[in-house]
Amino acid sequence: MGVPRRAGDASELRKTLKPLMEKRRRARINESLNQLKGLILPLIGKDRLQRATGKVTGPACPAWPASCPPAACWTATS
């Protein structure tokens, strides 16, 4: 890939690179989503398990996160 010499060369280069850039952008987004899922899903699973066993006292949160206090505010019972 050299430096474009004409205006037409620049637009051709842009048209050629656009699909590659989009593919990389989507790959970065998907990787970020997978990392986020990896962080959130274990926490949700632990929270559901604690609620099922009665280890956590606090409001049931069907409309989480809008109507619920942060999990740090809940008190765990032993």
PDB file of N, CA and C in Angstrom:
ATOM      1  N   MET A   1       0.841  -1.178   0.000  1.00  0.00           N
ATOM      2  CA  MET A   1       0.000   0.000   0.000  1.00  0.00           C
ATOM      3  C   MET A   1       0.881   1.235   0.000  1.00  0.00           C
ATOM      4  N   GLY A   2       0.867   1.913  -1.077  1.00  0.00           N
ATOM      5  CA  GLY A   2       1.647   3.134  -1.175  1.00  0.00           C
ATOM      6  C   GLY A   2       0.780   4.341  -0.916  1.00  0.00           C
ATOM      7  N   VAL A   3       1.401   5.481  -1.047  1.00  0.00           N
ATOM      8  CA  VAL A   3       0.681   6.739  -0.874  1.00  0.00           C
ATOM      9  C   VAL A   3      -0.142   6.973  -2.141  1.00  0.00           C
ATOM     10  N   PRO A   4      -1.427   7.271  -2.003  1.00  0.00           N
ATOM     11  CA  PRO A   4      -2.230   7.504  -3.193  1.00  0.00           C
ATOM     12  C   PRO A   4      -1.740   8.733  -3.950  1.00  0.00           C
ATOM     13  N   ARG A   5      -1.704   8.622  -5.282  1.00  0.00           N
ATOM     14  CA  ARG A   5      -1.178   9.718  -6.093  1.00  0.00           C
ATOM     15  C   ARG A   5      -2.284  10.548  -6.713  1.00  0.00           C
ATOM     16  N   ARG A   6      -3.463   9.951  -6.851  1.00  0.00           N
ATOM     17  CA  ARG A   6      -4.599  10.679  -7.423  1.00  0.00           C
ATOM     18  C   ARG A   6      -5.769  10.582  -6.456  1.00  0.00           C
ATOM     19  N   ALA A   7      -6.722  11.468  -6.621  1.00  0.00           N
ATOM     20  CA  ALA A   7      -7.915  11.446  -5.768  1.00  0.00           C
ATOM     21  C   ALA A   7      -8.656  10.129  -5.942  1.00  0.00           C
ATOM     22  N   GLY A   8      -8.690   9.594  -7.120  1.00  0.00           N
ATOM     23  CA  GLY A   8      -9.342   8.313  -7.387  1.00  0.00           C
ATOM     24  C   GLY A   8      -8.657   7.177  -6.647  1.00  0.00           C
ATOM     25  N   ASP A   9      -7.336   7.244  -6.524  1.00  0.00           N
ATOM     26  CA  ASP A   9      -6.596   6.210  -5.800  1.00  0.00           C
ATOM     27  C   ASP A   9      -6.981   6.193  -4.322  1.00  0.00           C
ATOM     28  N   ALA A  10      -7.166   7.366  -3.748  1.00  0.00           N
ATOM     29  CA  ALA A  10      -7.524   7.449  -2.327  1.00  0.00           C
ATOM     30  C   ALA A  10      -8.889   6.842  -2.090  1.00  0.00           C
ATOM     31  N   SER A  11      -9.849   7.128  -2.962  1.00  0.00           N
ATOM     32  CA  SER A  11     -11.183   6.576  -2.766  1.00  0.00           C
ATOM     33  C   SER A  11     -11.184   5.070  -3.001  1.00  0.00           C
ATOM     34  N   GLU A  12     -10.392   4.590  -3.950  1.00  0.00           N
ATOM     35  CA  GLU A  12     -10.288   3.142  -4.179  1.00  0.00           C
ATOM     36  C   GLU A  12      -9.668   2.455  -2.969  1.00  0.00           C
ATOM     37  N   LEU A  13      -8.649   3.051  -2.417  1.00  0.00           N
ATOM     38  CA  LEU A  13      -8.004   2.491  -1.237  1.00  0.00           C
ATOM     39  C   LEU A  13      -8.983   2.443  -0.066  1.00  0.00           C
ATOM     40  N   ARG A  14      -9.741   3.512   0.119  1.00  0.00           N
ATOM     41  CA  ARG A  14     -10.735   3.573   1.193  1.00  0.00           C
ATOM     42  C   ARG A  14     -11.800   2.490   0.994  1.00  0.00           C
ATOM     43  N   LYS A  15     -12.251   2.313  -0.240  1.00  0.00           N
ATOM     44  CA  LYS A  15     -13.254   1.288  -0.528  1.00  0.00           C
ATOM     45  C   LYS A  15     -12.705  -0.110  -0.273  1.00  0.00           C
ATOM     46  N   THR A  16     -11.431  -0.295  -0.520  1.00  0.00           N
ATOM     47  CA  THR A  16     -10.801  -1.594  -0.295  1.00  0.00           C
ATOM     48  C   THR A  16     -10.621  -1.874   1.193  1.00  0.00           C
ATOM     49  N   LEU A  17     -10.233  -0.862   1.955  1.00  0.00           N
ATOM     50  CA  LEU A  17      -9.940  -1.048   3.371  1.00  0.00           C
ATOM     51  C   LEU A  17     -11.177  -1.045   4.251  1.00  0.00           C
ATOM     52  N   LYS A  18     -12.270  -0.456   3.785  1.00  0.00           N
ATOM     53  CA  LYS A  18     -13.465  -0.319   4.626  1.00  0.00           C
ATOM     54  C   LYS A  18     -13.987  -1.663   5.144  1.00  0.00           C
ATOM     55  N   PRO A  19     -14.128  -2.696   4.316  1.00  0.00           N
ATOM     56  CA  PRO A  19     -14.604  -3.983   4.850  1.00  0.00           C
ATOM     57  C   PRO A  19     -13.651  -4.588   5.883  1.00  0.00           C
ATOM     58  N   LEU A  20     -12.357  -4.412   5.685  1.00  0.00           N
ATOM     59  CA  LEU A  20     -11.388  -4.935   6.645  1.00  0.00           C
ATOM     60  C   LEU A  20     -11.476  -4.202   7.975  1.00  0.00           C
ATOM     61  N   MET A  21     -11.620  -2.874   7.905  1.00  0.00           N
ATOM     62  CA  MET A  21     -11.733  -2.088   9.129  1.00  0.00           C
ATOM     63  C   MET A  21     -13.017  -2.442   9.869  1.00  0.00           C
ATOM     64  N   GLU A  22     -14.106  -2.639   9.124  1.00  0.00           N
ATOM     65  CA  GLU A  22     -15.382  -2.995   9.749  1.00  0.00           C
ATOM     66  C   GLU A  22     -15.292  -4.362  10.419  1.00  0.00           C
ATOM     67  N   LYS A  23     -14.618  -5.294   9.779  1.00  0.00           N
ATOM     68  CA  LYS A  23     -14.450  -6.633  10.353  1.00  0.00           C
ATOM     69  C   LYS A  23     -13.663  -6.557  11.665  1.00  0.00           C
ATOM     70  N   ARG A  24     -12.609  -5.759  11.689  1.00  0.00           N
ATOM     71  CA  ARG A  24     -11.812  -5.586  12.912  1.00  0.00           C
ATOM     72  C   ARG A  24     -12.619  -4.902  14.009  1.00  0.00           C
ATOM     73  N   ARG A  25     -13.406  -3.885  13.609  1.00  0.00           N
ATOM     74  CA  ARG A  25     -14.234  -3.169  14.583  1.00  0.00           C
ATOM     75  C   ARG A  25     -15.248  -4.111  15.217  1.00  0.00           C
ATOM     76  N   ARG A  26     -15.898  -4.922  14.405  1.00  0.00           N
ATOM     77  CA  ARG A  26     -16.881  -5.880  14.930  1.00  0.00           C
ATOM     78  C   ARG A  26     -16.217  -6.921  15.829  1.00  0.00           C
ATOM     79  N   ALA A  27     -15.008  -7.345  15.460  1.00  0.00           N
ATOM     80  CA  ALA A  27     -14.282  -8.308  16.291  1.00  0.00           C
ATOM     81  C   ALA A  27     -13.959  -7.696  17.657  1.00  0.00           C
ATOM     82  N   ARG A  28     -13.555  -6.420  17.688  1.00  0.00           N
ATOM     83  CA  ARG A  28     -13.273  -5.751  18.971  1.00  0.00           C
ATOM     84  C   ARG A  28     -14.538  -5.629  19.807  1.00  0.00           C
ATOM     85  N   ILE A  29     -15.644  -5.267  19.175  1.00  0.00           N
ATOM     86  CA  ILE A  29     -16.909  -5.143  19.902  1.00  0.00           C
ATOM     87  C   ILE A  29     -17.319  -6.491  20.481  1.00  0.00           C
ATOM     88  N   ASN A  30     -17.229  -7.544  19.672  1.00  0.00           N
ATOM     89  CA  ASN A  30     -17.609  -8.876  20.156  1.00  0.00           C
ATOM     90  C   ASN A  30     -16.713  -9.337  21.298  1.00  0.00           C
ATOM     91  N   GLU A  31     -15.425  -9.044  21.211  1.00  0.00           N
ATOM     92  CA  GLU A  31     -14.507  -9.418  22.285  1.00  0.00           C
ATOM     93  C   GLU A  31     -14.864  -8.674  23.571  1.00  0.00           C
ATOM     94  N   SER A  32     -15.186  -7.390  23.450  1.00  0.00           N
ATOM     95  CA  SER A  32     -15.576  -6.614  24.624  1.00  0.00           C
ATOM     96  C   SER A  32     -16.866  -7.147  25.236  1.00  0.00           C
ATOM     97  N   LEU A  33     -17.825  -7.512  24.395  1.00  0.00           N
ATOM     98  CA  LEU A  33     -19.076  -8.081  24.904  1.00  0.00           C
ATOM     99  C   LEU A  33     -18.830  -9.405  25.612  1.00  0.00           C
ATOM    100  N   ASN A  34     -17.944 -10.225  25.058  1.00  0.00           N
ATOM    101  CA  ASN A  34     -17.628 -11.502  25.709  1.00  0.00           C
ATOM    102  C   ASN A  34     -16.956 -11.281  27.061  1.00  0.00           C
ATOM    103  N   GLN A  35     -16.073 -10.288  27.148  1.00  0.00           N
ATOM    104  CA  GLN A  35     -15.435  -9.977  28.430  1.00  0.00           C
ATOM    105  C   GLN A  35     -16.476  -9.500  29.436  1.00  0.00           C
ATOM    106  N   LEU A  36     -17.385  -8.657  28.989  1.00  0.00           N
ATOM    107  CA  LEU A  36     -18.434  -8.144  29.868  1.00  0.00           C
ATOM    108  C   LEU A  36     -19.327  -9.284  30.358  1.00  0.00           C
ATOM    109  N   LYS A  37     -19.704 -10.186  29.462  1.00  0.00           N
ATOM    110  CA  LYS A  37     -20.512 -11.343  29.866  1.00  0.00           C
ATOM    111  C   LYS A  37     -19.766 -12.192  30.878  1.00  0.00           C
ATOM    112  N   GLY A  38     -18.457 -12.357  30.651  1.00  0.00           N
ATOM    113  CA  GLY A  38     -17.656 -13.145  31.576  1.00  0.00           C
ATOM    114  C   GLY A  38     -17.613 -12.538  32.973  1.00  0.00           C
ATOM    115  N   LEU A  39     -17.724 -11.228  33.058  1.00  0.00           N
ATOM    116  CA  LEU A  39     -17.719 -10.566  34.356  1.00  0.00           C
ATOM    117  C   LEU A  39     -19.098 -10.571  35.009  1.00  0.00           C
ATOM    118  N   ILE A  40     -20.140 -10.395  34.215  1.00  0.00           N
ATOM    119  CA  ILE A  40     -21.489 -10.237  34.758  1.00  0.00           C
ATOM    120  C   ILE A  40     -22.171 -11.564  35.054  1.00  0.00           C
ATOM    121  N   LEU A  41     -22.073 -12.513  34.146  1.00  0.00           N
ATOM    122  CA  LEU A  41     -22.818 -13.765  34.322  1.00  0.00           C
ATOM    123  C   LEU A  41     -22.483 -14.506  35.616  1.00  0.00           C
ATOM    124  N   PRO A  42     -21.207 -14.604  35.998  1.00  0.00           N
ATOM    125  CA  PRO A  42     -20.945 -15.270  37.284  1.00  0.00           C
ATOM    126  C   PRO A  42     -21.580 -14.547  38.466  1.00  0.00           C
ATOM    127  N   LEU A  43     -21.617 -13.234  38.420  1.00  0.00           N
ATOM    128  CA  LEU A  43     -22.226 -12.473  39.512  1.00  0.00           C
ATOM    129  C   LEU A  43     -23.728 -12.705  39.562  1.00  0.00           C
ATOM    130  N   ILE A  44     -24.367 -12.741  38.419  1.00  0.00           N
ATOM    131  CA  ILE A  44     -25.804 -12.992  38.376  1.00  0.00           C
ATOM    132  C   ILE A  44     -26.104 -14.397  38.872  1.00  0.00           C
ATOM    133  N   GLY A  45     -25.296 -15.351  38.469  1.00  0.00           N
ATOM    134  CA  GLY A  45     -25.491 -16.730  38.909  1.00  0.00           C
ATOM    135  C   GLY A  45     -25.340 -16.858  40.417  1.00  0.00           C
ATOM    136  N   LYS A  46     -24.351 -16.200  41.009  1.00  0.00           N
ATOM    137  CA  LYS A  46     -24.154 -16.240  42.461  1.00  0.00           C
ATOM    138  C   LYS A  46     -25.326 -15.585  43.169  1.00  0.00           C
ATOM    139  N   ASP A  47     -25.791 -14.472  42.627  1.00  0.00           N
ATOM    140  CA  ASP A  47     -26.903 -13.754  43.227  1.00  0.00           C
ATOM    141  C   ASP A  47     -28.161 -14.618  43.221  1.00  0.00           C
ATOM    142  N   ARG A  48     -28.441 -15.268  42.114  1.00  0.00           N
ATOM    143  CA  ARG A  48     -29.621 -16.136  42.028  1.00  0.00           C
ATOM    144  C   ARG A  48     -29.508 -17.309  42.991  1.00  0.00           C
ATOM    145  N   LEU A  49     -28.316 -17.873  43.103  1.00  0.00           N
ATOM    146  CA  LEU A  49     -28.114 -18.997  44.018  1.00  0.00           C
ATOM    147  C   LEU A  49     -28.329 -18.552  45.458  1.00  0.00           C
ATOM    148  N   GLN A  50     -27.819 -17.369  45.821  1.00  0.00           N
ATOM    149  CA  GLN A  50     -27.991 -16.871  47.176  1.00  0.00           C
ATOM    150  C   GLN A  50     -29.460 -16.596  47.472  1.00  0.00           C
ATOM    151  N   ARG A  51     -30.177 -16.058  46.511  1.00  0.00           N
ATOM    152  CA  ARG A  51     -31.600 -15.792  46.724  1.00  0.00           C
ATOM    153  C   ARG A  51     -32.377 -17.094  46.878  1.00  0.00           C
ATOM    154  N   ALA A  52     -32.036 -18.098  46.091  1.00  0.00           N
ATOM    155  CA  ALA A  52     -32.748 -19.371  46.139  1.00  0.00           C
ATOM    156  C   ALA A  52     -32.536 -20.073  47.479  1.00  0.00           C
ATOM    157  N   THR A  53     -31.364 -19.903  48.072  1.00  0.00           N
ATOM    158  CA  THR A  53     -31.073 -20.552  49.335  1.00  0.00           C
ATOM    159  C   THR A  53     -31.410 -19.670  50.530  1.00  0.00           C
ATOM    160  N   GLY A  54     -31.841 -18.422  50.281  1.00  0.00           N
ATOM    161  CA  GLY A  54     -32.213 -17.525  51.362  1.00  0.00           C
ATOM    162  C   GLY A  54     -31.027 -16.920  52.081  1.00  0.00           C
ATOM    163  N   LYS A  55     -29.878 -16.892  51.459  1.00  0.00           N
ATOM    164  CA  LYS A  55     -28.675 -16.359  52.105  1.00  0.00           C
ATOM    165  C   LYS A  55     -28.597 -14.835  52.031  1.00  0.00           C
ATOM    166  N   VAL A  56     -29.382 -14.218  51.187  1.00  0.00           N
ATOM    167  CA  VAL A  56     -29.332 -12.767  51.024  1.00  0.00           C
ATOM    168  C   VAL A  56     -30.660 -12.182  51.440  1.00  0.00           C
ATOM    169  N   THR A  57     -30.600 -11.129  52.227  1.00  0.00           N
ATOM    170  CA  THR A  57     -31.826 -10.415  52.544  1.00  0.00           C
ATOM    171  C   THR A  57     -31.827  -9.143  51.741  1.00  0.00           C
ATOM    172  N   GLY A  58     -32.910  -8.828  51.164  1.00  0.00           N
ATOM    173  CA  GLY A  58     -33.016  -7.646  50.332  1.00  0.00           C
ATOM    174  C   GLY A  58     -34.214  -7.809  49.434  1.00  0.00           C
ATOM    175  N   PRO A  59     -34.530  -6.785  48.714  1.00  0.00           N
ATOM    176  CA  PRO A  59     -35.717  -6.845  47.867  1.00  0.00           C
ATOM    177  C   PRO A  59     -35.512  -7.783  46.686  1.00  0.00           C
ATOM    178  N   ALA A  60     -36.583  -8.437  46.270  1.00  0.00           N
ATOM    179  CA  ALA A  60     -36.529  -9.186  45.026  1.00  0.00           C
ATOM    180  C   ALA A  60     -36.516  -8.151  43.914  1.00  0.00           C
ATOM    181  N   CYS A  61     -35.723  -8.360  42.923  1.00  0.00           N
ATOM    182  CA  CYS A  61     -35.522  -7.331  41.904  1.00  0.00           C
ATOM    183  C   CYS A  61     -35.928  -7.808  40.519  1.00  0.00           C
ATOM    184  N   PRO A  62     -37.221  -7.897  40.237  1.00  0.00           N
ATOM    185  CA  PRO A  62     -37.601  -8.302  38.892  1.00  0.00           C
ATOM    186  C   PRO A  62     -37.270  -7.248  37.844  1.00  0.00           C
ATOM    187  N   ALA A  63     -37.182  -5.993  38.242  1.00  0.00           N
ATOM    188  CA  ALA A  63     -36.898  -4.922  37.285  1.00  0.00           C
ATOM    189  C   ALA A  63     -35.466  -4.434  37.398  1.00  0.00           C
ATOM    190  N   TRP A  64     -34.551  -5.293  37.801  1.00  0.00           N
ATOM    191  CA  TRP A  64     -33.156  -4.917  37.933  1.00  0.00           C
ATOM    192  C   TRP A  64     -32.655  -4.362  36.630  1.00  0.00           C
ATOM    193  N   PRO A  65     -31.837  -3.350  36.612  1.00  0.00           N
ATOM    194  CA  PRO A  65     -31.219  -2.613  37.696  1.00  0.00           C
ATOM    195  C   PRO A  65     -31.966  -1.342  38.073  1.00  0.00           C
ATOM    196  N   ALA A  66     -33.000  -0.980  37.345  1.00  0.00           N
ATOM    197  CA  ALA A  66     -33.636   0.324  37.533  1.00  0.00           C
ATOM    198  C   ALA A  66     -34.208   0.528  38.928  1.00  0.00           C
ATOM    199  N   SER A  67     -34.865  -0.484  39.498  1.00  0.00           N
ATOM    200  CA  SER A  67     -35.567  -0.257  40.754  1.00  0.00           C
ATOM    201  C   SER A  67     -34.874  -0.874  41.968  1.00  0.00           C
ATOM    202  N   CYS A  68     -33.659  -1.342  41.815  1.00  0.00           N
ATOM    203  CA  CYS A  68     -32.995  -2.067  42.899  1.00  0.00           C
ATOM    204  C   CYS A  68     -31.803  -1.302  43.461  1.00  0.00           C
ATOM    205  N   PRO A  69     -31.574  -1.437  44.755  1.00  0.00           N
ATOM    206  CA  PRO A  69     -30.358  -0.836  45.323  1.00  0.00           C
ATOM    207  C   PRO A  69     -29.155  -1.644  44.912  1.00  0.00           C
ATOM    208  N   PRO A  70     -27.969  -1.075  45.004  1.00  0.00           N
ATOM    209  CA  PRO A  70     -26.760  -1.828  44.670  1.00  0.00           C
ATOM    210  C   PRO A  70     -26.615  -3.048  45.574  1.00  0.00           C
ATOM    211  N   ALA A  71     -26.032  -4.099  45.037  1.00  0.00           N
ATOM    212  CA  ALA A  71     -25.855  -5.343  45.783  1.00  0.00           C
ATOM    213  C   ALA A  71     -25.025  -5.124  47.045  1.00  0.00           C
ATOM    214  N   ALA A  72     -24.140  -4.137  47.034  1.00  0.00           N
ATOM    215  CA  ALA A  72     -23.306  -3.860  48.197  1.00  0.00           C
ATOM    216  C   ALA A  72     -24.139  -3.432  49.406  1.00  0.00           C
ATOM    217  N   CYS A  73     -25.360  -2.944  49.171  1.00  0.00           N
ATOM    218  CA  CYS A  73     -26.218  -2.494  50.268  1.00  0.00           C
ATOM    219  C   CYS A  73     -26.963  -3.653  50.934  1.00  0.00           C
ATOM    220  N   TRP A  74     -27.000  -4.788  50.276  1.00  0.00           N
ATOM    221  CA  TRP A  74     -27.722  -5.928  50.838  1.00  0.00           C
ATOM    222  C   TRP A  74     -26.915  -6.556  51.953  1.00  0.00           C
ATOM    223  N   THR A  75     -27.586  -7.125  52.895  1.00  0.00           N
ATOM    224  CA  THR A  75     -26.862  -7.793  53.975  1.00  0.00           C
ATOM    225  C   THR A  75     -27.004  -9.290  53.830  1.00  0.00           C
ATOM    226  N   ALA A  76     -25.930  -9.980  53.982  1.00  0.00           N
ATOM    227  CA  ALA A  76     -25.940 -11.443  53.893  1.00  0.00           C
ATOM    228  C   ALA A  76     -26.152 -12.016  55.277  1.00  0.00           C
ATOM    229  N   THR A  77     -26.927 -13.073  55.372  1.00  0.00           N
ATOM    230  CA  THR A  77     -27.144 -13.738  56.646  1.00  0.00           C
ATOM    231  C   THR A  77     -26.349 -15.026  56.654  1.00  0.00           C
ATOM    232  N   SER A  78     -25.837 -15.395  57.790  1.00  0.00           N
ATOM    233  CA  SER A  78     -25.019 -16.596  57.894  1.00  0.00           C
ATOM    234  C   SER A  78     -25.831 -17.789  58.335  1.00  0.00           C
TER     235      SER A  78
END
